Amino acid sequence: MMVIAGAAAIGALVWIGNSHDRLAQRFMFDLGLAGTGLISAGAQVLILIGAWLMWRSWPRGDQKTERSDKQSGDEQA
């Protein structure tokens, strides 16, 4: 969810920067350079943390076999 929110924020910033729509130009000037930079940095952090959390929660086969080997060794003893 964090990755999606970060990607949506960056996508919105790209739309604001590239669009010639009056609403996008108004957002660009209302946010200013510092605001867009902070939003961009925050969105990148969200993407990185979300990707890291997904990577950490991904099941790995080698860890399961090590745990099952340890459990089967304990049961045999």
C-alpha atoms as a PDB file:
ATOM      1  CA  MET A   1       0.000   0.000   0.000  1.00  0.00           C
ATOM      2  CA  MET A   2       2.884   2.346   0.777  1.00  0.00           C
ATOM      3  CA  VAL A   3       4.418   1.699  -2.629  1.00  0.00           C
ATOM      4  CA  ILE A   4       1.134   2.506  -4.358  1.00  0.00           C
ATOM      5  CA  ALA A   5       0.693   5.738  -2.364  1.00  0.00           C
ATOM      6  CA  GLY A   6       4.266   6.836  -3.116  1.00  0.00           C
ATOM      7  CA  ALA A   7       3.919   6.028  -6.810  1.00  0.00           C
ATOM      8  CA  ALA A   8       0.613   7.915  -6.957  1.00  0.00           C
ATOM      9  CA  ALA A   9       2.202  10.980  -5.337  1.00  0.00           C
ATOM     10  CA  ILE A  10       5.113  10.944  -7.777  1.00  0.00           C
ATOM     11  CA  GLY A  11       2.694  10.423 -10.666  1.00  0.00           C
ATOM     12  CA  ALA A  12       0.689  13.440  -9.500  1.00  0.00           C
ATOM     13  CA  LEU A  13       3.862  15.536  -9.318  1.00  0.00           C
ATOM     14  CA  VAL A  14       4.789  14.506 -12.862  1.00  0.00           C
ATOM     15  CA  TRP A  15       1.296  15.469 -14.019  1.00  0.00           C
ATOM     16  CA  ILE A  16       1.592  18.836 -12.254  1.00  0.00           C
ATOM     17  CA  GLY A  17       4.989  19.497 -13.840  1.00  0.00           C
ATOM     18  CA  ASN A  18       4.108  18.450 -17.384  1.00  0.00           C
ATOM     19  CA  SER A  19       0.486  19.508 -17.757  1.00  0.00           C
ATOM     20  CA  HIS A  20      -0.592  22.810 -19.283  1.00  0.00           C
ATOM     21  CA  ASP A  21      -3.896  22.658 -17.442  1.00  0.00           C
ATOM     22  CA  ARG A  22      -4.756  25.679 -15.278  1.00  0.00           C
ATOM     23  CA  LEU A  23      -5.363  23.474 -12.261  1.00  0.00           C
ATOM     24  CA  ALA A  24      -1.912  21.876 -12.569  1.00  0.00           C
ATOM     25  CA  GLN A  25      -0.240  25.276 -12.916  1.00  0.00           C
ATOM     26  CA  ARG A  26      -2.122  26.521  -9.864  1.00  0.00           C
ATOM     27  CA  PHE A  27      -0.997  23.479  -7.851  1.00  0.00           C
ATOM     28  CA  MET A  28       2.580  24.014  -9.019  1.00  0.00           C
ATOM     29  CA  PHE A  29       2.675  27.608  -7.835  1.00  0.00           C
ATOM     30  CA  ASP A  30       0.739  26.905  -4.630  1.00  0.00           C
ATOM     31  CA  LEU A  31       3.115  24.102  -3.631  1.00  0.00           C
ATOM     32  CA  GLY A  32       6.272  25.901  -4.701  1.00  0.00           C
ATOM     33  CA  LEU A  33       9.676  24.354  -5.217  1.00  0.00           C
ATOM     34  CA  ALA A  34      10.188  23.404  -1.587  1.00  0.00           C
ATOM     35  CA  GLY A  35       6.775  21.779  -1.300  1.00  0.00           C
ATOM     36  CA  THR A  36       7.150  19.671  -4.417  1.00  0.00           C
ATOM     37  CA  GLY A  37      10.629  18.627  -3.328  1.00  0.00           C
ATOM     38  CA  LEU A  38       9.388  17.568   0.097  1.00  0.00           C
ATOM     39  CA  ILE A  39       6.455  15.667  -1.370  1.00  0.00           C
ATOM     40  CA  SER A  40       8.761  13.941  -3.834  1.00  0.00           C
ATOM     41  CA  ALA A  41      11.234  12.968  -1.119  1.00  0.00           C
ATOM     42  CA  GLY A  42       8.440  11.676   1.103  1.00  0.00           C
ATOM     43  CA  ALA A  43       6.965   9.646  -1.749  1.00  0.00           C
ATOM     44  CA  GLN A  44      10.353   8.099  -2.503  1.00  0.00           C
ATOM     45  CA  VAL A  45      10.761   7.144   1.157  1.00  0.00           C
ATOM     46  CA  LEU A  46       7.302   5.549   1.109  1.00  0.00           C
ATOM     47  CA  ILE A  47       8.246   3.529  -1.968  1.00  0.00           C
ATOM     48  CA  LEU A  48      11.541   2.379  -0.479  1.00  0.00           C
ATOM     49  CA  ILE A  49      10.048   1.403   2.890  1.00  0.00           C
ATOM     50  CA  GLY A  50       7.115  -0.336   1.222  1.00  0.00           C
ATOM     51  CA  ALA A  51       9.417  -2.272  -1.103  1.00  0.00           C
ATOM     52  CA  TRP A  52      11.656  -3.223   1.833  1.00  0.00           C
ATOM     53  CA  LEU A  53       8.658  -4.453   3.839  1.00  0.00           C
ATOM     54  CA  MET A  54       7.447  -6.520   0.885  1.00  0.00           C
ATOM     55  CA  TRP A  55      10.920  -7.994   0.458  1.00  0.00           C
ATOM     56  CA  ARG A  56      11.168  -8.845   4.163  1.00  0.00           C
ATOM     57  CA  SER A  57       7.746 -10.521   4.226  1.00  0.00           C
ATOM     58  CA  TRP A  58       8.356 -12.610   1.098  1.00  0.00           C
ATOM     59  CA  PRO A  59       8.553 -16.306   2.062  1.00  0.00           C
ATOM     60  CA  ARG A  60      11.851 -17.958   1.293  1.00  0.00           C
ATOM     61  CA  GLY A  61      12.210 -21.681   0.798  1.00  0.00           C
ATOM     62  CA  ASP A  62      15.658 -22.040   2.366  1.00  0.00           C
ATOM     63  CA  GLN A  63      14.559 -20.563   5.695  1.00  0.00           C
ATOM     64  CA  LYS A  64      11.598 -22.919   5.922  1.00  0.00           C
ATOM     65  CA  THR A  65      13.788 -25.970   5.378  1.00  0.00           C
ATOM     66  CA  GLU A  66      16.245 -24.850   8.057  1.00  0.00           C
ATOM     67  CA  ARG A  67      13.417 -24.441  10.553  1.00  0.00           C
ATOM     68  CA  SER A  68      11.887 -27.788   9.667  1.00  0.00           C
ATOM     69  CA  ASP A  69      15.320 -29.468   9.983  1.00  0.00           C
ATOM     70  CA  LYS A  70      15.788 -27.964  13.434  1.00  0.00           C
ATOM     71  CA  GLN A  71      12.301 -29.021  14.504  1.00  0.00           C
ATOM     72  CA  SER A  72      12.722 -32.559  13.215  1.00  0.00           C
ATOM     73  CA  GLY A  73      16.097 -32.801  15.012  1.00  0.00           C
ATOM     74  CA  ASP A  74      14.481 -31.683  18.257  1.00  0.00           C
ATOM     75  CA  GLU A  75      11.697 -34.228  17.886  1.00  0.00           C
ATOM     76  CA  GLN A  76      14.153 -37.086  17.310  1.00  0.00           C
ATOM     77  CA  ALA A  77      16.205 -36.282  20.423  1.00  0.00           C
END
